[in-house]
Amino acid sequence: MALRMAFFQKVMSGCGALAFIWATVVLLGGFSTLIKQKDFWFVTIIVFMESN
């Protein structure tokens, strides 16, 4: 059971890191002009939530 929980935590941590990297690239990489305003705010919220 503990091994499953450790594996699950690693997977979720990896997903969080990928979401943070993706959101940062979108905001700082110049893609913010290519996305809709609603999507821009979703990405911004992801960055702030993942930065904690």
Protein backbone atom coordinates (compact mmCIF):
# COMPACT_ATOMS: atom_id res chain seq x y z
CA MET A 1 0.00 0.00 0.00
CA ALA A 2 2.79 2.42 0.88
CA LEU A 3 4.56 1.65 -2.40
CA ARG A 4 1.41 2.51 -4.36
CA MET A 5 1.00 5.76 -2.48
CA ALA A 6 4.63 6.71 -3.12
CA PHE A 7 4.23 5.91 -6.82
CA PHE A 8 1.00 7.92 -7.01
CA GLN A 9 2.68 10.88 -5.32
CA LYS A 10 5.60 10.76 -7.77
CA VAL A 11 3.23 10.66 -10.74
CA MET A 12 1.17 13.58 -9.44
CA SER A 13 4.30 15.56 -8.65
CA GLY A 14 5.54 14.98 -12.19
CA CYS A 15 2.20 16.09 -13.64
CA GLY A 16 2.33 19.23 -11.53
CA ALA A 17 5.84 20.00 -12.72
CA LEU A 18 4.82 19.51 -16.35
CA ALA A 19 1.78 21.76 -15.90
CA PHE A 20 3.96 24.45 -14.34
CA ILE A 21 6.56 24.25 -17.13
CA TRP A 22 3.88 24.28 -19.84
CA ALA A 23 2.10 27.27 -18.32
CA THR A 24 5.36 29.18 -17.91
CA VAL A 25 6.33 28.53 -21.53
CA VAL A 26 2.94 29.72 -22.74
CA LEU A 27 3.09 32.93 -20.69
CA LEU A 28 6.75 33.82 -21.16
CA GLY A 29 7.38 32.22 -24.54
CA GLY A 30 5.26 34.60 -26.54
CA PHE A 31 2.33 32.23 -27.00
CA SER A 32 0.12 34.47 -24.89
CA THR A 33 -0.75 36.50 -27.98
CA LEU A 34 -1.96 33.38 -29.80
CA ILE A 35 -4.41 32.13 -27.17
CA LYS A 36 -7.83 33.44 -26.22
CA GLN A 37 -8.19 35.71 -23.21
CA LYS A 38 -10.10 33.08 -21.22
CA ASP A 39 -7.38 30.50 -21.85
CA PHE A 40 -4.71 33.05 -20.91
CA TRP A 41 -6.32 33.51 -17.50
CA PHE A 42 -6.58 29.75 -16.98
CA VAL A 43 -2.87 29.41 -17.71
CA THR A 44 -2.09 32.30 -15.38
CA ILE A 45 -4.07 30.64 -12.58
CA ILE A 46 -2.20 27.37 -13.17
CA VAL A 47 1.13 29.16 -12.81
CA PHE A 48 0.14 30.85 -9.57
CA MET A 49 -1.33 27.67 -8.09
CA GLU A 50 1.69 25.56 -8.99
CA SER A 51 4.20 28.13 -7.74
CA ASN A 52 3.26 27.51 -4.09
